[in-house]
Amino acid sequence: MKMVPEPAGALATMMASPEASPSTSRDECWYMEKAGRLFGYDEIIAPWATKRYSLSIEGLHEEIKDIFQWLRPCRLEEAVRLEVFRKVKSAIKERWKGNNVRVSVFGSLRTRLFLPTSDIDVLVECEEWKDTSAMATCMQETANYLEEVGLAKSVAVFSDAFVPIVKMVEKDTLVNVDISFNTAQGVKAADYIEKVKEEFPVVEPLILVLKQFLILRRLNTTYTGGLSSYGLILMLINFLHHYGMPVRRKHPYSPEVNLGELLMRFFEVYAQEVNYDAVGISVIDMRYTPKEARRDGDKKAALLSIEDPLLIIQQYISETAVLNAMV
């Protein structure tokens, strides 16, 4: 009997990425397949599907619940990443055992908002590395040691970046690890996000779907004009404080919550309603701030502006491609 593929739901259609090209990487192909485009069929088969979804807001809500269960980290994925972190921490501690070095994890692993290909964010703190030149030397020596002990398959040092970082690929798991030095803001951000998750439990399913949405469109890296995960979370926090108060402290599966309605309203607000030439997003004040009041004459007036509630400074993110994808 010939197998008849299930029809795509609204979210499967939304998540479908372009067809693979000869230059498409293995990870990108994996993501394309995971999003539901199984080659050889004319229709999309959503691997997360447990039922037929109606092409309605309620059907989208049901599909988001299923993709959340499919995307959310399982115990094995978390255990693998924690083991990678343990090995990196042990190696760094060994290399700098004569120094008072503290190594901690932050980012999506700490908040449990990571996707299958998410990086592990590691913070290394040492009071003796305040000098810029000393920091650059320590970063290079750390990278060299990670290679020497056979932990890193590849490693690169970006000591001149806005946020100095060592990027490595762990040899056994091929998990990407980003190691930053003396930038404790990431840990504070993770703690802040944990508090937000308590206030708005719907953050977890919505942010995983939105992160996947951007990854499939290669819009998840800031240096190529995309949007960082932290910037995306701040946009979601701002949105929920304006439009999501009825779901405050409500479980995502509560009868009062419709994830499909929230997702579509999120796209509607940021793709069609916000005037990025005129206002920026203030997460501190939970309002839209006139740009003239903060950046009179700034050449970056057309960029998406998000105020980091922890740094109290403006963060500028090129939004053109991101907003086009949301329309």
Protein backbone atom coordinates (compact mmCIF):
# COMPACT_ATOMS: atom_id res chain seq x y z
CA MET A 1 0.00 0.00 0.00
CA LYS A 2 1.35 3.41 -0.94
CA MET A 3 2.00 5.70 2.00
CA VAL A 4 0.11 8.98 1.81
CA PRO A 5 1.94 11.78 3.61
CA GLU A 6 0.16 13.82 6.22
CA PRO A 7 -0.67 17.33 5.02
CA ALA A 8 1.37 20.15 6.47
CA GLY A 9 0.09 22.14 9.37
CA ALA A 10 0.35 25.92 9.46
CA LEU A 11 3.57 25.83 11.49
CA ALA A 12 5.19 23.18 9.28
CA THR A 13 4.54 25.39 6.26
CA MET A 14 5.91 28.43 8.11
CA MET A 15 9.03 26.55 9.22
CA ALA A 16 9.82 25.02 5.83
CA SER A 17 13.20 26.21 4.60
CA PRO A 18 14.31 26.67 0.99
CA GLU A 19 15.43 23.62 -0.94
CA ALA A 20 18.99 22.49 -0.32
CA SER A 21 21.66 23.77 -2.65
CA PRO A 22 25.04 22.11 -3.38
CA SER A 23 26.60 24.42 -0.79
CA THR A 24 24.13 23.52 1.95
CA SER A 25 25.96 22.16 4.98
CA ARG A 26 25.18 18.86 6.70
CA ASP A 27 23.73 20.69 9.71
CA GLU A 28 21.54 22.83 7.46
CA CYS A 29 20.27 19.75 5.62
CA TRP A 30 19.54 18.13 8.98
CA TYR A 31 17.57 21.15 10.08
CA MET A 32 15.69 21.26 6.78
CA GLU A 33 14.68 17.63 7.21
CA LYS A 34 13.84 18.20 10.84
CA ALA A 35 11.58 21.06 9.82
CA GLY A 36 9.54 18.62 7.83
CA ARG A 37 10.66 18.72 4.19
CA LEU A 38 11.25 15.04 3.48
CA PHE A 39 12.59 14.90 -0.04
CA GLY A 40 10.57 12.96 -2.60
CA TYR A 41 7.16 14.19 -1.46
CA ASP A 42 5.23 17.17 -2.75
CA GLU A 43 3.88 17.88 0.70
CA ILE A 44 5.62 18.57 3.97
CA ILE A 45 5.53 15.86 6.60
CA ALA A 46 5.98 17.44 10.00
CA PRO A 47 7.94 15.00 12.19
CA TRP A 48 6.45 16.56 15.31
CA ALA A 49 2.87 15.98 14.11
CA THR A 50 0.65 13.86 16.35
CA LYS A 51 -2.61 14.71 14.60
CA ARG A 52 -4.10 16.59 11.68
CA TYR A 53 -4.00 20.31 12.44
CA SER A 54 -6.78 22.57 11.26
CA LEU A 55 -5.64 25.65 9.34
CA SER A 56 -6.79 27.95 12.12
CA ILE A 57 -5.40 29.72 15.17
CA GLU A 58 -6.51 26.78 17.30
CA GLY A 59 -4.78 24.36 14.93
CA LEU A 60 -1.60 26.46 15.12
CA HIS A 61 -1.83 26.38 18.92
CA GLU A 62 -2.03 22.58 18.91
CA GLU A 63 0.89 22.34 16.49
CA ILE A 64 3.07 24.67 18.58
CA LYS A 65 2.46 22.46 21.61
CA ASP A 66 3.63 19.42 19.63
CA ILE A 67 6.71 21.10 18.14
CA PHE A 68 7.61 22.37 21.62
CA GLN A 69 7.60 18.80 22.95
CA TRP A 70 9.72 17.77 19.96
CA LEU A 71 12.22 20.66 20.17
CA ARG A 72 12.62 21.09 23.91
CA PRO A 73 15.86 19.66 25.35
CA CYS A 74 15.66 16.07 26.56
CA ARG A 75 17.68 14.76 29.50
CA LEU A 76 20.26 13.15 27.22
CA GLU A 77 20.88 16.35 25.25
CA GLU A 78 21.29 18.31 28.46
CA ALA A 79 23.56 15.65 29.97
CA VAL A 80 25.82 15.64 26.88
CA ARG A 81 26.22 19.41 27.01
CA LEU A 82 26.85 19.43 30.74
CA GLU A 83 29.55 16.80 30.26
CA VAL A 84 31.19 18.92 27.54
CA PHE A 85 31.09 21.89 29.91
CA ARG A 86 32.60 19.78 32.70
CA LYS A 87 35.52 18.77 30.46
CA VAL A 88 36.12 22.34 29.29
CA LYS A 89 35.95 23.63 32.86
CA SER A 90 38.37 20.95 34.07
CA ALA A 91 40.87 21.74 31.29
CA ILE A 92 40.77 25.49 31.93
CA LYS A 93 41.14 24.97 35.69
CA GLU A 94 44.13 22.70 35.06
CA ARG A 95 45.82 25.19 32.73
CA TRP A 96 45.38 28.08 35.15
CA LYS A 97 45.60 26.16 38.43
CA GLY A 98 47.95 28.75 39.89
CA ASN A 99 45.37 31.49 39.37
CA ASN A 100 42.05 32.19 41.05
CA VAL A 101 39.99 31.23 37.99
CA ARG A 102 36.21 30.77 38.07
CA VAL A 103 34.46 28.92 35.23
CA SER A 104 30.67 28.93 34.83
CA VAL A 105 28.05 28.25 32.20
CA PHE A 106 25.48 30.76 30.97
CA GLY A 107 23.26 31.30 27.95
CA SER A 108 20.75 28.78 26.61
CA LEU A 109 22.22 25.80 28.49
CA ARG A 110 21.77 27.59 31.81
CA THR A 111 18.20 28.64 30.93
CA ARG A 112 17.37 25.32 29.16
CA LEU A 113 16.25 27.21 26.07
CA PHE A 114 18.71 25.56 23.69
CA LEU A 115 18.05 23.87 20.36
CA PRO A 116 19.84 20.72 19.13
CA THR A 117 22.62 22.73 17.46
CA SER A 118 22.92 25.53 20.02
CA ASP A 119 26.34 26.55 21.31
CA ILE A 120 27.49 26.16 24.90
CA ASP A 121 28.37 29.51 26.47
CA VAL A 122 31.19 29.39 29.02
CA LEU A 123 32.46 32.25 31.16
CA VAL A 124 36.01 32.40 32.55
CA GLU A 125 36.68 34.99 35.25
CA CYS A 126 40.04 35.96 36.73
CA GLU A 127 40.94 39.18 38.55
CA GLU A 128 44.52 39.01 37.22
CA TRP A 129 43.40 39.42 33.59
CA LYS A 130 42.15 43.00 33.72
CA ASP A 131 44.79 44.29 31.31
CA THR A 132 43.84 43.99 27.62
CA SER A 133 47.17 42.56 26.51
CA ALA A 134 47.19 40.07 29.39
CA MET A 135 43.66 39.03 28.45
CA ALA A 136 44.66 38.40 24.81
CA THR A 137 47.62 36.30 25.93
CA CYS A 138 45.49 34.24 28.30
CA MET A 139 42.87 33.65 25.61
CA GLN A 140 45.50 32.38 23.17
CA GLU A 141 47.13 30.15 25.78
CA THR A 142 43.72 28.76 26.77
CA ALA A 143 42.96 27.93 23.13
CA ASN A 144 46.36 26.30 22.68
CA TYR A 145 45.88 24.15 25.78
CA LEU A 146 42.42 22.97 24.71
CA GLU A 147 44.02 21.72 21.49
CA GLU A 148 47.03 20.19 23.25
CA VAL A 149 44.89 18.06 25.57
CA GLY A 150 42.81 16.82 22.62
CA LEU A 151 39.57 18.45 23.72
CA ALA A 152 39.11 20.76 20.74
CA LYS A 153 38.72 19.57 17.18
CA SER A 154 39.14 23.18 16.08
CA VAL A 155 39.62 26.43 17.95
CA ALA A 156 39.78 30.12 17.06
CA VAL A 157 40.58 33.22 19.10
CA PHE A 158 38.77 36.54 18.58
CA SER A 159 40.56 38.79 21.03
CA ASP A 160 39.77 42.01 19.14
CA ALA A 161 36.01 41.44 18.95
CA PHE A 162 33.55 43.68 20.83
CA VAL A 163 33.14 40.73 23.20
CA PRO A 164 36.49 38.83 23.15
CA ILE A 165 35.83 35.14 22.73
CA VAL A 166 37.42 31.75 22.08
CA LYS A 167 35.33 29.54 19.81
CA MET A 168 35.95 25.81 19.78
CA VAL A 169 34.35 22.61 18.52
CA GLU A 170 34.48 19.77 21.04
CA LYS A 171 36.14 16.74 19.46
CA ASP A 172 33.82 13.91 20.55
CA THR A 173 30.40 15.56 20.27
CA LEU A 174 31.14 18.30 17.69
CA VAL A 175 29.26 20.69 19.96
CA ASN A 176 30.28 24.33 19.54
CA VAL A 177 31.58 26.07 22.65
CA ASP A 178 31.97 29.84 23.03
CA ILE A 179 34.32 30.86 25.85
CA SER A 180 34.23 34.47 27.00
CA PHE A 181 36.48 36.10 29.58
CA ASN A 182 35.59 38.49 32.41
CA THR A 183 32.16 39.34 30.98
CA ALA A 184 29.79 38.39 33.79
CA GLN A 185 26.86 40.09 32.06
CA GLY A 186 25.93 36.79 30.38
CA VAL A 187 25.37 35.07 33.73
CA LYS A 188 23.22 37.99 34.91
CA ALA A 189 21.22 37.79 31.70
CA ALA A 190 20.58 34.07 32.24
CA ASP A 191 19.35 34.74 35.78
CA TYR A 192 17.11 37.52 34.46
CA ILE A 193 15.61 35.18 31.84
CA GLU A 194 14.92 32.56 34.52
CA LYS A 195 12.84 35.13 36.44
CA VAL A 196 10.98 36.05 33.26
CA LYS A 197 10.19 32.36 32.64
CA GLU A 198 8.58 32.21 36.07
CA GLU A 199 6.43 35.24 35.30
CA PHE A 200 5.60 34.14 31.73
CA PRO A 201 5.90 30.33 31.30
CA VAL A 202 4.80 30.76 27.66
CA VAL A 203 8.27 32.18 26.95
CA GLU A 204 9.71 28.67 26.67
CA PRO A 205 7.60 27.28 23.79
CA LEU A 206 7.43 30.61 21.97
CA ILE A 207 11.17 31.31 22.10
CA LEU A 208 12.09 27.82 20.86
CA VAL A 209 9.75 28.18 17.88
CA LEU A 210 11.04 31.70 17.14
CA LYS A 211 14.69 30.65 17.42
CA GLN A 212 14.06 27.75 15.04
CA PHE A 213 12.26 30.13 12.68
CA LEU A 214 15.30 32.43 12.52
CA ILE A 215 17.84 29.59 12.25
CA LEU A 216 16.11 28.11 9.23
CA ARG A 217 16.36 31.51 7.54
CA ARG A 218 19.98 32.08 8.65
CA LEU A 219 18.93 35.14 10.62
CA ASN A 220 20.24 34.11 14.03
CA THR A 221 23.70 35.73 13.97
CA THR A 222 24.19 39.44 14.52
CA TYR A 223 27.36 39.80 12.45
CA THR A 224 25.44 38.82 9.30
CA GLY A 225 22.52 41.15 10.02
CA GLY A 226 20.47 38.74 12.10
CA LEU A 227 19.10 38.76 15.62
CA SER A 228 20.76 37.26 18.68
CA SER A 229 18.85 34.93 20.98
CA TYR A 230 19.08 37.49 23.78
CA GLY A 231 17.72 40.24 21.53
CA LEU A 232 14.88 37.94 20.48
CA ILE A 233 14.04 37.17 24.11
CA LEU A 234 13.98 40.88 24.96
CA MET A 235 11.56 41.48 22.08
CA LEU A 236 9.36 38.65 23.38
CA ILE A 237 9.46 40.03 26.94
CA ASN A 238 8.43 43.46 25.69
CA PHE A 239 5.63 41.90 23.62
CA LEU A 240 4.26 39.86 26.53
CA HIS A 241 4.18 42.86 28.85
CA HIS A 242 2.15 44.77 26.27
CA TYR A 243 -0.10 42.03 24.90
CA GLY A 244 0.34 38.92 27.02
CA MET A 245 -0.68 39.96 30.54
CA PRO A 246 -3.75 37.65 30.44
CA VAL A 247 -1.34 34.68 30.20
CA ARG A 248 0.94 35.90 33.00
CA ARG A 249 1.89 32.98 35.27
CA LYS A 250 -0.31 30.68 33.17
CA HIS A 251 0.99 27.27 32.06
CA PRO A 252 1.45 27.08 28.27
CA TYR A 253 -1.14 24.28 28.12
CA SER A 254 -3.69 26.14 30.25
CA PRO A 255 -7.14 26.57 28.61
CA GLU A 256 -6.68 30.35 28.88
CA VAL A 257 -3.54 30.26 26.70
CA ASN A 258 -3.50 30.15 22.89
CA LEU A 259 0.09 29.92 21.67
CA GLY A 260 -0.99 30.29 18.04
CA GLU A 261 -2.67 33.59 18.77
CA LEU A 262 0.38 34.85 20.67
CA LEU A 263 2.80 33.84 17.91
CA MET A 264 0.79 35.47 15.13
CA ARG A 265 0.29 38.61 17.20
CA PHE A 266 4.07 38.73 17.83
CA PHE A 267 4.74 38.68 14.08
CA GLU A 268 2.01 41.24 13.47
CA VAL A 269 3.37 43.69 16.04
CA TYR A 270 7.02 43.56 15.02
CA ALA A 271 6.53 43.18 11.26
CA GLN A 272 3.70 45.63 10.68
CA GLU A 273 2.99 47.90 13.63
CA VAL A 274 6.26 49.07 15.18
CA ASN A 275 7.81 52.08 13.41
CA TYR A 276 11.53 51.37 13.75
CA ASP A 277 12.46 54.77 12.33
CA ALA A 278 10.64 56.51 15.16
CA VAL A 279 10.85 54.32 18.27
CA GLY A 280 13.09 51.91 20.12
CA ILE A 281 12.16 49.18 22.58
CA SER A 282 12.67 49.91 26.27
CA VAL A 283 12.40 46.68 28.25
CA ILE A 284 13.19 48.59 31.44
CA ASP A 285 10.20 50.92 31.13
CA MET A 286 8.11 48.39 29.15
CA ARG A 287 7.31 50.96 26.50
CA TYR A 288 8.39 52.22 23.10
CA THR A 289 10.80 55.15 23.43
CA PRO A 290 11.00 57.96 20.84
CA LYS A 291 14.40 57.70 19.20
CA GLU A 292 14.86 61.47 19.01
CA ALA A 293 14.95 61.54 22.79
CA ARG A 294 17.99 59.27 22.86
CA ARG A 295 19.83 59.40 19.55
CA ASP A 296 19.27 62.78 17.92
CA GLY A 297 21.06 62.75 14.56
CA ASP A 298 22.22 59.15 14.88
CA LYS A 299 22.88 57.57 11.48
CA LYS A 300 21.52 54.28 12.81
CA ALA A 301 18.01 55.66 13.18
CA ALA A 302 16.50 52.99 10.91
CA LEU A 303 17.88 50.08 12.95
CA LEU A 304 16.02 48.04 15.50
CA SER A 305 16.96 49.47 18.90
CA ILE A 306 16.57 47.36 22.04
CA GLU A 307 17.47 48.62 25.49
CA ASP A 308 19.23 45.95 27.53
CA PRO A 309 17.61 46.05 30.99
CA LEU A 310 20.88 44.91 32.57
CA LEU A 311 23.28 47.28 30.84
CA ILE A 312 20.97 50.29 30.49
CA ILE A 313 22.48 51.05 27.09
CA GLN A 314 21.15 50.92 23.55
CA GLN A 315 21.78 47.80 21.53
CA TYR A 316 21.48 48.15 17.77
CA ILE A 317 20.55 45.20 15.61
CA SER A 318 20.13 45.28 11.87
CA GLU A 319 16.54 44.19 11.38
CA THR A 320 15.76 44.39 7.68
CA ALA A 321 16.00 40.69 6.82
CA VAL A 322 14.46 39.63 10.12
CA LEU A 323 11.40 41.81 9.68
CA ASN A 324 10.96 40.70 6.08
CA ALA A 325 10.87 37.10 7.30
CA MET A 326 8.17 37.95 9.85
CA VAL A 327 5.80 39.47 7.29
